[in-house]
């Protein structure tokens, strides 16, 4: 079981959001039939179980605090085995150990914050 958090804050461009949705389709193919997808900026703006990225209702476009999306993902039902955050990386981060579920960050965008991700979080840069 995987939960995906999409950063829908104002710093994510339309191209970044399209790339995030493309990554969700890849995650769905790799993980199985469905996944919980949470859209968040400084608050959770949408949470839905999807079977296709076409069904994602992107909402938000405000400030940035992915801690709220990560916390919501950790509490989703069924409990996820992993949380994947698709973001530019420019966000406050939860304290180490606060969220027990493993977190993987897919950094999106030409100017993504590679150096902003804490060392205890696994991250990869998602290339175009």
Protein backbone atom coordinates (compact mmCIF):
# COMPACT_ATOMS: atom_id res chain seq x y z
CA UNK A 1 0.00 0.00 0.00
CA UNK A 2 1.40 3.35 -1.10
CA UNK A 3 0.20 6.87 -0.38
CA UNK A 4 1.26 9.66 -2.72
CA UNK A 5 1.41 13.32 -1.69
CA UNK A 6 1.47 15.88 -4.50
CA UNK A 7 2.78 19.35 -3.68
CA UNK A 8 0.22 21.70 -5.23
CA UNK A 9 1.70 24.88 -3.75
CA UNK A 10 2.26 27.98 -5.82
CA UNK A 11 5.93 27.14 -6.42
CA UNK A 12 4.94 24.08 -8.46
CA UNK A 13 4.44 25.09 -12.10
CA UNK A 14 1.81 23.55 -14.37
CA UNK A 15 4.63 21.55 -16.00
CA UNK A 16 5.75 20.33 -12.57
CA UNK A 17 2.19 19.22 -11.72
CA UNK A 18 1.84 17.44 -15.07
CA UNK A 19 5.14 15.66 -14.38
CA UNK A 20 3.89 14.68 -10.90
CA UNK A 21 0.72 13.19 -12.42
CA UNK A 22 2.81 11.28 -14.94
CA UNK A 23 4.84 9.86 -12.07
CA UNK A 24 1.63 8.80 -10.31
CA UNK A 25 0.67 6.74 -13.37
CA UNK A 26 4.07 5.03 -13.15
CA UNK A 27 3.59 4.41 -9.44
CA UNK A 28 0.17 2.87 -10.11
CA UNK A 29 1.62 0.55 -12.75
CA UNK A 30 4.39 -0.53 -10.39
CA UNK A 31 2.30 -0.91 -7.22
CA UNK A 32 -0.98 -2.30 -8.42
CA UNK A 33 -4.53 -1.22 -8.91
CA UNK A 34 -4.91 1.89 -6.76
CA UNK A 35 -3.25 4.37 -4.41
CA UNK A 36 -4.30 7.07 -2.00
CA UNK A 37 -3.37 10.47 -3.46
CA UNK A 38 -3.29 13.57 -1.31
CA UNK A 39 -2.92 17.07 -2.75
CA UNK A 40 -1.50 19.61 -0.35
CA UNK A 41 -0.10 23.11 -0.26
CA UNK A 42 -0.15 24.53 3.29
CA UNK A 43 -3.19 22.34 3.95
CA UNK A 44 -4.65 19.14 2.55
CA UNK A 45 -6.81 20.26 -0.37
CA UNK A 46 -7.87 16.82 -1.68
CA UNK A 47 -7.54 13.18 -0.68
CA UNK A 48 -8.79 10.39 -2.91
CA UNK A 49 -8.16 6.77 -3.86
CA UNK A 50 -7.41 6.62 -7.56
CA UNK A 51 -6.75 4.03 -10.24
CA UNK A 52 -5.52 6.54 -12.86
CA UNK A 53 -3.76 9.89 -12.70
CA UNK A 54 -6.56 11.22 -14.91
CA UNK A 55 -8.76 11.03 -11.80
CA UNK A 56 -6.56 13.31 -9.68
CA UNK A 57 -8.31 16.53 -8.73
CA UNK A 58 -5.39 18.95 -8.41
CA UNK A 59 -6.23 21.73 -6.00
CA UNK A 60 -4.34 24.20 -3.88
CA UNK A 61 -1.78 26.67 -5.28
CA UNK A 62 -1.23 28.46 -1.95
CA UNK A 63 1.67 28.40 0.50
CA UNK A 64 3.84 25.36 1.20
CA UNK A 65 3.94 22.98 4.16
CA UNK A 66 4.22 19.36 3.11
CA UNK A 67 4.24 18.26 6.75
CA UNK A 68 0.43 18.40 6.65
CA UNK A 69 0.25 16.20 3.55
CA UNK A 70 2.79 13.72 4.93
CA UNK A 71 0.91 13.48 8.24
CA UNK A 72 -2.39 12.93 6.42
CA UNK A 73 -0.79 10.23 4.26
CA UNK A 74 0.57 8.43 7.31
CA UNK A 75 -2.94 8.37 8.82
CA UNK A 76 -4.70 7.20 5.64
CA UNK A 77 -6.59 3.91 5.53
CA UNK A 78 -5.39 1.33 4.77
CA UNK A 79 -2.10 2.23 6.44
CA UNK A 80 0.55 2.81 3.77
CA UNK A 81 3.81 0.88 3.70
CA UNK A 82 5.47 3.90 2.05
CA UNK A 83 4.72 7.54 1.33
CA UNK A 84 5.90 9.11 -1.90
CA UNK A 85 6.07 12.91 -1.94
CA UNK A 86 6.23 14.57 -5.35
CA UNK A 87 7.49 18.11 -4.74
CA UNK A 88 10.05 20.75 -5.63
CA UNK A 89 11.43 20.17 -2.13
CA UNK A 90 10.97 23.70 -0.82
CA UNK A 91 8.97 23.01 2.33
CA UNK A 92 9.30 22.65 6.07
CA UNK A 93 10.00 19.01 6.98
CA UNK A 94 8.67 16.92 9.86
CA UNK A 95 11.10 16.03 12.62
CA UNK A 96 13.01 12.81 12.14
CA UNK A 97 10.97 9.92 13.53
CA UNK A 98 7.70 11.91 13.67
CA UNK A 99 6.29 9.92 10.76
CA UNK A 100 7.02 6.23 11.13
CA UNK A 101 6.16 5.33 7.52
CA UNK A 102 9.16 5.45 5.14
CA UNK A 103 9.14 8.57 2.95
CA UNK A 104 10.56 8.83 -0.56
CA UNK A 105 10.69 12.25 -2.22
CA UNK A 106 10.55 12.62 -5.98
CA UNK A 107 12.06 16.07 -6.60
CA UNK A 108 10.44 17.76 -9.57
CA UNK A 109 11.41 20.89 -11.48
CA UNK A 110 14.54 22.41 -12.92
CA UNK A 111 15.34 24.27 -9.72
CA UNK A 112 14.24 21.63 -7.24
CA UNK A 113 15.61 21.84 -3.73
CA UNK A 114 18.00 18.89 -3.68
CA UNK A 115 19.86 20.38 -0.72
CA UNK A 116 16.66 21.17 1.20
CA UNK A 117 15.67 17.52 1.79
CA UNK A 118 16.81 16.19 5.19
CA UNK A 119 19.40 13.42 5.17
CA UNK A 120 17.01 10.93 6.79
CA UNK A 121 14.62 11.12 3.80
CA UNK A 122 15.32 9.14 0.62
CA UNK A 123 15.06 11.35 -2.45
CA UNK A 124 15.53 11.17 -6.19
CA UNK A 125 15.46 13.85 -8.87
CA UNK A 126 12.72 13.19 -11.42
CA UNK A 127 14.10 14.10 -14.84
CA UNK A 128 11.93 15.17 -17.75
